[in-house]
Structures are given as C-alpha cells and as structure tokens.
Amino acid sequence: MIALFLKEKPLFFFRASLSQAHRFFLALPLLGEYLKTGLVPRFPTAILSTGLMILAFLSLVAGLILYTVTRAHLAPKRLMYKMSGDLRRNV
C-alpha cells in the first residue's frame, strides 16, 4: 500500500517534511540564548534540530523529484487516452 501511494502521489507522501514548524520551535530557544550570550547551552538539541531540518529538506526535494517524474510518466498516458477517443469517433 505504501509503495502504491508513494508511486501515485509522491508529493503528498513527503508533505510531512513541509511541517517543519516543530523543528523550528525546537531550535528557537537555542537561537535566543545564542544571541544573548554567544553560547549554545544544549548542544545535543542543536545537533538534533539541525539534523531534522536537513532530513526534512532532503525529504522535500525527493518528493518534488518523484512528483516531477510521476507527472512526466502521466503525460504520454493521457495523450494516448485522448487519441484513442478520437480514433473511435472517426470509425
């Protein structure tokens, strides 16, 4: 089921990467503390937040690429479908 969903609607499958708000809110207190003191008090949280943002961005890019490939594969199918309707009318 997941493979079919990934094949037919890849951008929707990777849309979870668009909801990066919780990743941003994870890093927001760290950014405020860094701007005040120049120090990062919770270094593991900073690494986690950065890693999650990178993974989210890669997931989004993969979704966009798969969406483009899926759209490119649908164009010839639609063209053949439209041409088959024209052939039936001419007979």
C-alpha atoms as a PDB file:
ATOM      1  CA  MET A   1       0.000   0.000   0.000  1.00  0.00           C
ATOM      2  CA  ILE A   2       2.798   2.396   0.868  1.00  0.00           C
ATOM      3  CA  ALA A   3       4.629   1.636  -2.388  1.00  0.00           C
ATOM      4  CA  LEU A   4       1.485   2.338  -4.410  1.00  0.00           C
ATOM      5  CA  PHE A   5       0.846   5.565  -2.509  1.00  0.00           C
ATOM      6  CA  LEU A   6       4.466   6.604  -2.991  1.00  0.00           C
ATOM      7  CA  LYS A   7       4.256   5.877  -6.718  1.00  0.00           C
ATOM      8  CA  GLU A   8       0.971   7.653  -7.395  1.00  0.00           C
ATOM      9  CA  LYS A   9       1.188  10.645  -5.040  1.00  0.00           C
ATOM     10  CA  PRO A  10       4.813  11.181  -4.012  1.00  0.00           C
ATOM     11  CA  LEU A  11       4.497  14.844  -3.068  1.00  0.00           C
ATOM     12  CA  PHE A  12       1.646  14.107  -0.673  1.00  0.00           C
ATOM     13  CA  PHE A  13       3.722  11.310   0.839  1.00  0.00           C
ATOM     14  CA  PHE A  14       6.612  13.683   1.501  1.00  0.00           C
ATOM     15  CA  ARG A  15       4.413  16.570   2.606  1.00  0.00           C
ATOM     16  CA  ALA A  16       5.252  15.752   6.221  1.00  0.00           C
ATOM     17  CA  SER A  17       8.565  17.433   5.560  1.00  0.00           C
ATOM     18  CA  LEU A  18       6.725  20.679   4.922  1.00  0.00           C
ATOM     19  CA  SER A  19       5.562  20.818   8.516  1.00  0.00           C
ATOM     20  CA  GLN A  20       8.885  21.934   9.853  1.00  0.00           C
ATOM     21  CA  ALA A  21       7.391  24.200  12.494  1.00  0.00           C
ATOM     22  CA  HIS A  22       8.088  21.849  15.384  1.00  0.00           C
ATOM     23  CA  ARG A  23      11.688  21.507  14.259  1.00  0.00           C
ATOM     24  CA  PHE A  24      11.985  25.281  14.145  1.00  0.00           C
ATOM     25  CA  PHE A  25      10.431  25.672  17.587  1.00  0.00           C
ATOM     26  CA  LEU A  26      12.930  23.145  18.907  1.00  0.00           C
ATOM     27  CA  ALA A  27      15.776  25.412  17.801  1.00  0.00           C
ATOM     28  CA  LEU A  28      14.146  28.741  18.705  1.00  0.00           C
ATOM     29  CA  PRO A  29      15.148  28.773  22.416  1.00  0.00           C
ATOM     30  CA  LEU A  30      18.682  27.844  21.410  1.00  0.00           C
ATOM     31  CA  LEU A  31      18.857  30.711  18.959  1.00  0.00           C
ATOM     32  CA  GLY A  32      17.639  33.190  21.572  1.00  0.00           C
ATOM     33  CA  GLU A  33      20.222  32.004  24.089  1.00  0.00           C
ATOM     34  CA  TYR A  34      22.964  32.132  21.472  1.00  0.00           C
ATOM     35  CA  LEU A  35      22.085  35.706  20.529  1.00  0.00           C
ATOM     36  CA  LYS A  36      22.124  36.777  24.218  1.00  0.00           C
ATOM     37  CA  THR A  37      25.265  35.050  25.456  1.00  0.00           C
ATOM     38  CA  GLY A  38      27.089  33.762  22.402  1.00  0.00           C
ATOM     39  CA  LEU A  39      26.995  30.232  23.850  1.00  0.00           C
ATOM     40  CA  VAL A  40      24.953  27.181  22.945  1.00  0.00           C
ATOM     41  CA  PRO A  41      23.793  25.665  26.267  1.00  0.00           C
ATOM     42  CA  ARG A  42      22.175  22.490  24.882  1.00  0.00           C
ATOM     43  CA  PHE A  43      24.494  21.275  22.187  1.00  0.00           C
ATOM     44  CA  PRO A  44      22.743  17.888  21.605  1.00  0.00           C
ATOM     45  CA  THR A  45      19.447  19.700  20.991  1.00  0.00           C
ATOM     46  CA  ALA A  46      21.172  21.951  18.461  1.00  0.00           C
ATOM     47  CA  ILE A  47      22.580  18.939  16.632  1.00  0.00           C
ATOM     48  CA  LEU A  48      19.199  17.184  16.687  1.00  0.00           C
ATOM     49  CA  SER A  49      17.393  20.256  15.395  1.00  0.00           C
ATOM     50  CA  THR A  50      19.907  20.752  12.588  1.00  0.00           C
ATOM     51  CA  GLY A  51      19.782  17.100  11.589  1.00  0.00           C
ATOM     52  CA  LEU A  52      15.990  17.067  11.494  1.00  0.00           C
ATOM     53  CA  MET A  53      15.890  20.188   9.342  1.00  0.00           C
ATOM     54  CA  ILE A  54      18.373  18.679   6.896  1.00  0.00           C
ATOM     55  CA  LEU A  55      16.368  15.438   6.710  1.00  0.00           C
ATOM     56  CA  ALA A  56      13.160  17.402   6.177  1.00  0.00           C
ATOM     57  CA  PHE A  57      14.724  19.374   3.343  1.00  0.00           C
ATOM     58  CA  LEU A  58      16.074  16.216   1.693  1.00  0.00           C
ATOM     59  CA  SER A  59      12.660  14.595   2.024  1.00  0.00           C
ATOM     60  CA  LEU A  60      11.018  17.590   0.379  1.00  0.00           C
ATOM     61  CA  VAL A  61      13.496  17.570  -2.506  1.00  0.00           C
ATOM     62  CA  ALA A  62      12.995  13.825  -3.011  1.00  0.00           C
ATOM     63  CA  GLY A  63       9.225  14.353  -3.028  1.00  0.00           C
ATOM     64  CA  LEU A  64       9.480  17.109  -5.626  1.00  0.00           C
ATOM     65  CA  ILE A  65      11.704  14.992  -7.854  1.00  0.00           C
ATOM     66  CA  LEU A  66       9.368  11.991  -7.595  1.00  0.00           C
ATOM     67  CA  TYR A  67       6.369  14.242  -8.270  1.00  0.00           C
ATOM     68  CA  THR A  68       8.018  15.571 -11.425  1.00  0.00           C
ATOM     69  CA  VAL A  69       8.867  12.059 -12.628  1.00  0.00           C
ATOM     70  CA  THR A  70       5.303  10.883 -11.943  1.00  0.00           C
ATOM     71  CA  ARG A  71       3.874  13.824 -13.888  1.00  0.00           C
ATOM     72  CA  ALA A  72       6.219  13.082 -16.788  1.00  0.00           C
ATOM     73  CA  HIS A  73       5.005   9.469 -16.912  1.00  0.00           C
ATOM     74  CA  LEU A  74       1.351  10.521 -16.899  1.00  0.00           C
ATOM     75  CA  ALA A  75       1.623  12.838 -19.910  1.00  0.00           C
ATOM     76  CA  PRO A  76       2.038  10.075 -22.563  1.00  0.00           C
ATOM     77  CA  LYS A  77      -0.750   8.046 -20.958  1.00  0.00           C
ATOM     78  CA  ARG A  78      -3.138  10.991 -21.179  1.00  0.00           C
ATOM     79  CA  LEU A  79      -2.132  11.644 -24.767  1.00  0.00           C
ATOM     80  CA  MET A  80      -2.811   8.041 -25.746  1.00  0.00           C
ATOM     81  CA  TYR A  81      -6.153   8.144 -23.942  1.00  0.00           C
ATOM     82  CA  LYS A  82      -7.193  11.288 -25.785  1.00  0.00           C
ATOM     83  CA  MET A  83      -6.042   9.894 -29.111  1.00  0.00           C
ATOM     84  CA  SER A  84      -7.992   6.672 -28.579  1.00  0.00           C
ATOM     85  CA  GLY A  85     -11.202   8.695 -28.174  1.00  0.00           C
ATOM     86  CA  ASP A  86     -10.538  10.477 -31.478  1.00  0.00           C
ATOM     87  CA  LEU A  87      -9.965   7.161 -33.239  1.00  0.00           C
ATOM     88  CA  ARG A  88     -13.310   5.789 -32.062  1.00  0.00           C
ATOM     89  CA  ARG A  89     -15.194   8.832 -33.378  1.00  0.00           C
ATOM     90  CA  ASN A  90     -13.600   8.575 -36.821  1.00  0.00           C
ATOM     91  CA  VAL A  91     -14.671   4.940 -37.309  1.00  0.00           C
END
